[in-house]
Amino acid sequence: MVGVPVRVLVYDFTAHRRTDDTILVEPAPIILVDGILILTKRKLRDLMDIKVYVDTDADVRFIRRLQRDMHERGRSLDSVVQQYLDTVRPMHLKFVEPSKRYADIIIPGGGHNRVAMEMVVSRLQMLLRAREELAEEEIAS
C-alpha cells in the first residue's frame, strides 16, 4: 500500500539477528533504500525511480569493514579477516558486484564523487518537482 506508515525490523549486527524492536517509517516523497543486495531483487528494482550503485574499491570496503567490526561490534582481527575471505568476498563477487548492471547510475569512488552526487541530487529534485506539479494538477481538476 502506498502512503501508509510501516514498522521496519531492527537488525542487531553484533548478535547477527533481528531484534524485536521496530522503527516507524512514515510515508515521504523520497525514500532512500540502502542495502548491498537491494538491486538483486527485481520486485524491488521495479518499485524504484532511480537505482544507484555506489562502487567502492575492494581494499577500501575491507578496511571499513575491519574498522567497523572491531570497534563497533567487538570482533577480533582474525574473525573479521576469516569471515571476509570465507563469506563476504565470495558473496560480493557472486551477488553484489553483478547487481550493478541493474543500476541507472554507478557512482565510482565510494560516494566521494562530487559530480556524480550532484547529478543524483539534481535528478531527485526534478522528480520531486514533477510530482508536486502532478499533485497540483490533480487538486485543480
C-alpha atoms as a PDB file:
ATOM      1  CA  MET A   1       0.000   0.000   0.000  1.00  0.00           C
ATOM      2  CA  VAL A   2       1.196   3.487  -0.835  1.00  0.00           C
ATOM      3  CA  GLY A   3       1.255   6.324   1.690  1.00  0.00           C
ATOM      4  CA  VAL A   4       0.969   4.169   4.809  1.00  0.00           C
ATOM      5  CA  PRO A   5       3.452   4.173   7.710  1.00  0.00           C
ATOM      6  CA  VAL A   6       5.286   0.865   8.188  1.00  0.00           C
ATOM      7  CA  ARG A   7       7.228  -0.703  11.027  1.00  0.00           C
ATOM      8  CA  VAL A   8      10.703  -1.809   9.963  1.00  0.00           C
ATOM      9  CA  LEU A   9      12.518  -4.510  11.901  1.00  0.00           C
ATOM     10  CA  VAL A  10      15.828  -3.631  13.563  1.00  0.00           C
ATOM     11  CA  TYR A  11      18.841  -5.884  12.953  1.00  0.00           C
ATOM     12  CA  ASP A  12      21.469  -6.472  15.642  1.00  0.00           C
ATOM     13  CA  PHE A  13      24.782  -6.788  13.820  1.00  0.00           C
ATOM     14  CA  THR A  14      26.612  -7.852  16.956  1.00  0.00           C
ATOM     15  CA  ALA A  15      24.277 -10.792  17.564  1.00  0.00           C
ATOM     16  CA  HIS A  16      23.739 -11.415  13.801  1.00  0.00           C
ATOM     17  CA  ARG A  17      19.957 -11.491  14.083  1.00  0.00           C
ATOM     18  CA  ARG A  18      16.811  -9.389  14.051  1.00  0.00           C
ATOM     19  CA  THR A  19      15.608  -7.925  17.309  1.00  0.00           C
ATOM     20  CA  ASP A  20      12.030  -7.500  18.472  1.00  0.00           C
ATOM     21  CA  ASP A  21      12.451  -3.732  18.051  1.00  0.00           C
ATOM     22  CA  THR A  22      10.984  -1.818  15.123  1.00  0.00           C
ATOM     23  CA  ILE A  23      11.311   1.683  13.724  1.00  0.00           C
ATOM     24  CA  LEU A  24       8.272   3.519  12.397  1.00  0.00           C
ATOM     25  CA  VAL A  25       8.886   4.809   8.865  1.00  0.00           C
ATOM     26  CA  GLU A  26       6.443   7.453   7.702  1.00  0.00           C
ATOM     27  CA  PRO A  27       5.489   7.982   4.048  1.00  0.00           C
ATOM     28  CA  ALA A  28       7.677  10.536   2.284  1.00  0.00           C
ATOM     29  CA  PRO A  29       8.074  11.911  -1.231  1.00  0.00           C
ATOM     30  CA  ILE A  30      11.520  10.313  -1.437  1.00  0.00           C
ATOM     31  CA  ILE A  31      12.523   7.089   0.232  1.00  0.00           C
ATOM     32  CA  LEU A  32      16.168   6.084   0.093  1.00  0.00           C
ATOM     33  CA  VAL A  33      16.651   2.351   0.291  1.00  0.00           C
ATOM     34  CA  ASP A  34      20.133   1.191   1.175  1.00  0.00           C
ATOM     35  CA  GLY A  35      21.463  -2.328   1.046  1.00  0.00           C
ATOM     36  CA  ILE A  36      24.158  -4.318  -0.662  1.00  0.00           C
ATOM     37  CA  LEU A  37      21.664  -6.792  -2.135  1.00  0.00           C
ATOM     38  CA  ILE A  38      18.870  -4.339  -2.934  1.00  0.00           C
ATOM     39  CA  LEU A  39      19.436  -4.424  -6.700  1.00  0.00           C
ATOM     40  CA  THR A  40      19.382  -8.227  -6.847  1.00  0.00           C
ATOM     41  CA  LYS A  41      15.586  -8.328  -6.392  1.00  0.00           C
ATOM     42  CA  ARG A  42      13.528  -7.471  -9.462  1.00  0.00           C
ATOM     43  CA  LYS A  43      10.389  -6.674  -7.425  1.00  0.00           C
ATOM     44  CA  LEU A  44      12.331  -4.036  -5.512  1.00  0.00           C
ATOM     45  CA  ARG A  45      14.009  -2.631  -8.624  1.00  0.00           C
ATOM     46  CA  ASP A  46      10.608  -2.244 -10.273  1.00  0.00           C
ATOM     47  CA  LEU A  47       9.489  -0.002  -7.401  1.00  0.00           C
ATOM     48  CA  MET A  48      12.457   2.360  -7.718  1.00  0.00           C
ATOM     49  CA  ASP A  49      12.552   5.561  -9.728  1.00  0.00           C
ATOM     50  CA  ILE A  50      16.348   5.687  -9.617  1.00  0.00           C
ATOM     51  CA  LYS A  51      18.680   2.795  -8.949  1.00  0.00           C
ATOM     52  CA  VAL A  52      22.127   3.858  -7.750  1.00  0.00           C
ATOM     53  CA  TYR A  53      25.139   1.609  -7.236  1.00  0.00           C
ATOM     54  CA  VAL A  54      27.948   3.162  -5.215  1.00  0.00           C
ATOM     55  CA  ASP A  55      31.119   1.438  -6.364  1.00  0.00           C
ATOM     56  CA  THR A  56      33.936   1.311  -3.828  1.00  0.00           C
ATOM     57  CA  ASP A  57      37.331  -0.322  -4.252  1.00  0.00           C
ATOM     58  CA  ALA A  58      37.700  -3.696  -2.547  1.00  0.00           C
ATOM     59  CA  ASP A  59      40.546  -2.568  -0.291  1.00  0.00           C
ATOM     60  CA  VAL A  60      38.501   0.392   0.973  1.00  0.00           C
ATOM     61  CA  ARG A  61      35.481  -1.864   1.601  1.00  0.00           C
ATOM     62  CA  PHE A  62      37.653  -4.310   3.550  1.00  0.00           C
ATOM     63  CA  ILE A  63      39.305  -1.616   5.666  1.00  0.00           C
ATOM     64  CA  ARG A  64      35.944  -0.052   6.517  1.00  0.00           C
ATOM     65  CA  ARG A  65      34.546  -3.471   7.495  1.00  0.00           C
ATOM     66  CA  LEU A  66      37.612  -4.278   9.565  1.00  0.00           C
ATOM     67  CA  GLN A  67      37.443  -0.987  11.471  1.00  0.00           C
ATOM     68  CA  ARG A  68      33.676  -1.168  11.988  1.00  0.00           C
ATOM     69  CA  ASP A  69      33.589  -4.799  13.085  1.00  0.00           C
ATOM     70  CA  MET A  70      36.469  -4.403  15.506  1.00  0.00           C
ATOM     71  CA  HIS A  71      35.418  -1.055  17.026  1.00  0.00           C
ATOM     72  CA  GLU A  72      31.624  -1.216  16.918  1.00  0.00           C
ATOM     73  CA  ARG A  73      30.968  -4.946  17.090  1.00  0.00           C
ATOM     74  CA  GLY A  74      33.842  -6.089  19.294  1.00  0.00           C
ATOM     75  CA  ARG A  75      35.187  -8.653  16.834  1.00  0.00           C
ATOM     76  CA  SER A  76      38.792  -9.784  16.591  1.00  0.00           C
ATOM     77  CA  LEU A  77      41.057  -9.120  13.621  1.00  0.00           C
ATOM     78  CA  ASP A  78      41.235 -12.849  12.850  1.00  0.00           C
ATOM     79  CA  SER A  79      37.443 -13.294  12.904  1.00  0.00           C
ATOM     80  CA  VAL A  80      36.882 -10.330  10.565  1.00  0.00           C
ATOM     81  CA  VAL A  81      39.541 -11.490   8.111  1.00  0.00           C
ATOM     82  CA  GLN A  82      38.269 -15.075   8.183  1.00  0.00           C
ATOM     83  CA  GLN A  83      34.661 -14.002   7.581  1.00  0.00           C
ATOM     84  CA  TYR A  84      35.768 -11.707   4.761  1.00  0.00           C
ATOM     85  CA  LEU A  85      37.722 -14.452   2.997  1.00  0.00           C
ATOM     86  CA  ASP A  86      35.176 -17.240   3.608  1.00  0.00           C
ATOM     87  CA  THR A  87      31.925 -15.383   3.043  1.00  0.00           C
ATOM     88  CA  VAL A  88      31.978 -11.651   2.364  1.00  0.00           C
ATOM     89  CA  ARG A  89      34.334 -11.557  -0.632  1.00  0.00           C
ATOM     90  CA  PRO A  90      32.903 -14.617  -2.425  1.00  0.00           C
ATOM     91  CA  MET A  91      29.304 -13.436  -1.902  1.00  0.00           C
ATOM     92  CA  HIS A  92      30.196  -9.930  -3.064  1.00  0.00           C
ATOM     93  CA  LEU A  93      31.662 -11.330  -6.269  1.00  0.00           C
ATOM     94  CA  LYS A  94      28.717 -13.680  -6.805  1.00  0.00           C
ATOM     95  CA  PHE A  95      25.787 -11.387  -5.944  1.00  0.00           C
ATOM     96  CA  VAL A  96      26.635  -7.757  -5.207  1.00  0.00           C
ATOM     97  CA  GLU A  97      29.079  -6.943  -7.994  1.00  0.00           C
ATOM     98  CA  PRO A  98      26.876  -8.399 -10.768  1.00  0.00           C
ATOM     99  CA  SER A  99      23.855  -6.472  -9.482  1.00  0.00           C
ATOM    100  CA  LYS A 100      25.341  -3.167 -10.575  1.00  0.00           C
ATOM    101  CA  ARG A 101      24.207  -3.945 -14.120  1.00  0.00           C
ATOM    102  CA  TYR A 102      20.690  -3.074 -12.928  1.00  0.00           C
ATOM    103  CA  ALA A 103      21.717   0.395 -11.736  1.00  0.00           C
ATOM    104  CA  ASP A 104      20.711   3.520 -13.591  1.00  0.00           C
ATOM    105  CA  ILE A 105      23.744   5.284 -12.174  1.00  0.00           C
ATOM    106  CA  ILE A 106      27.048   3.821 -10.987  1.00  0.00           C
ATOM    107  CA  ILE A 107      28.978   6.176  -8.744  1.00  0.00           C
ATOM    108  CA  PRO A 108      32.688   5.375  -8.626  1.00  0.00           C
ATOM    109  CA  GLY A 109      34.780   6.416  -5.674  1.00  0.00           C
ATOM    110  CA  GLY A 110      32.589   5.212  -2.834  1.00  0.00           C
ATOM    111  CA  GLY A 111      30.313   8.217  -2.755  1.00  0.00           C
ATOM    112  CA  HIS A 112      33.125  10.779  -2.763  1.00  0.00           C
ATOM    113  CA  ASN A 113      32.434  11.642  -6.385  1.00  0.00           C
ATOM    114  CA  ARG A 114      31.034  15.185  -6.145  1.00  0.00           C
ATOM    115  CA  VAL A 115      29.916  15.419  -9.775  1.00  0.00           C
ATOM    116  CA  ALA A 116      28.010  12.121  -9.626  1.00  0.00           C
ATOM    117  CA  MET A 117      26.381  13.084  -6.338  1.00  0.00           C
ATOM    118  CA  GLU A 118      25.273  16.430  -7.784  1.00  0.00           C
ATOM    119  CA  MET A 119      23.722  14.576 -10.717  1.00  0.00           C
ATOM    120  CA  VAL A 120      21.755  12.311  -8.376  1.00  0.00           C
ATOM    121  CA  VAL A 121      20.567  15.261  -6.286  1.00  0.00           C
ATOM    122  CA  SER A 122      19.530  17.124  -9.449  1.00  0.00           C
ATOM    123  CA  ARG A 123      17.549  14.118 -10.677  1.00  0.00           C
ATOM    124  CA  LEU A 124      15.808  13.745  -7.317  1.00  0.00           C
ATOM    125  CA  GLN A 125      14.893  17.426  -7.307  1.00  0.00           C
ATOM    126  CA  MET A 126      13.462  17.055 -10.804  1.00  0.00           C
ATOM    127  CA  LEU A 127      11.352  14.065  -9.730  1.00  0.00           C
ATOM    128  CA  LEU A 128      10.083  15.980  -6.699  1.00  0.00           C
ATOM    129  CA  ARG A 129       9.083  18.966  -8.842  1.00  0.00           C
ATOM    130  CA  ALA A 130       7.281  16.689 -11.319  1.00  0.00           C
ATOM    131  CA  ARG A 131       5.343  15.004  -8.503  1.00  0.00           C
ATOM    132  CA  GLU A 132       4.435  18.361  -6.961  1.00  0.00           C
ATOM    133  CA  GLU A 133       3.160  19.603 -10.344  1.00  0.00           C
ATOM    134  CA  LEU A 134       1.120  16.436 -10.809  1.00  0.00           C
ATOM    135  CA  ALA A 135      -0.404  16.817  -7.342  1.00  0.00           C
ATOM    136  CA  GLU A 136      -1.278  20.460  -8.070  1.00  0.00           C
ATOM    137  CA  GLU A 137      -2.951  19.455 -11.350  1.00  0.00           C
ATOM    138  CA  GLU A 138      -4.990  16.778  -9.554  1.00  0.00           C
ATOM    139  CA  ILE A 139      -6.114  19.275  -6.920  1.00  0.00           C
ATOM    140  CA  ALA A 140      -7.038  21.838  -9.594  1.00  0.00           C
ATOM    141  CA  SER A 141      -9.188  19.391 -11.577  1.00  0.00           C
END
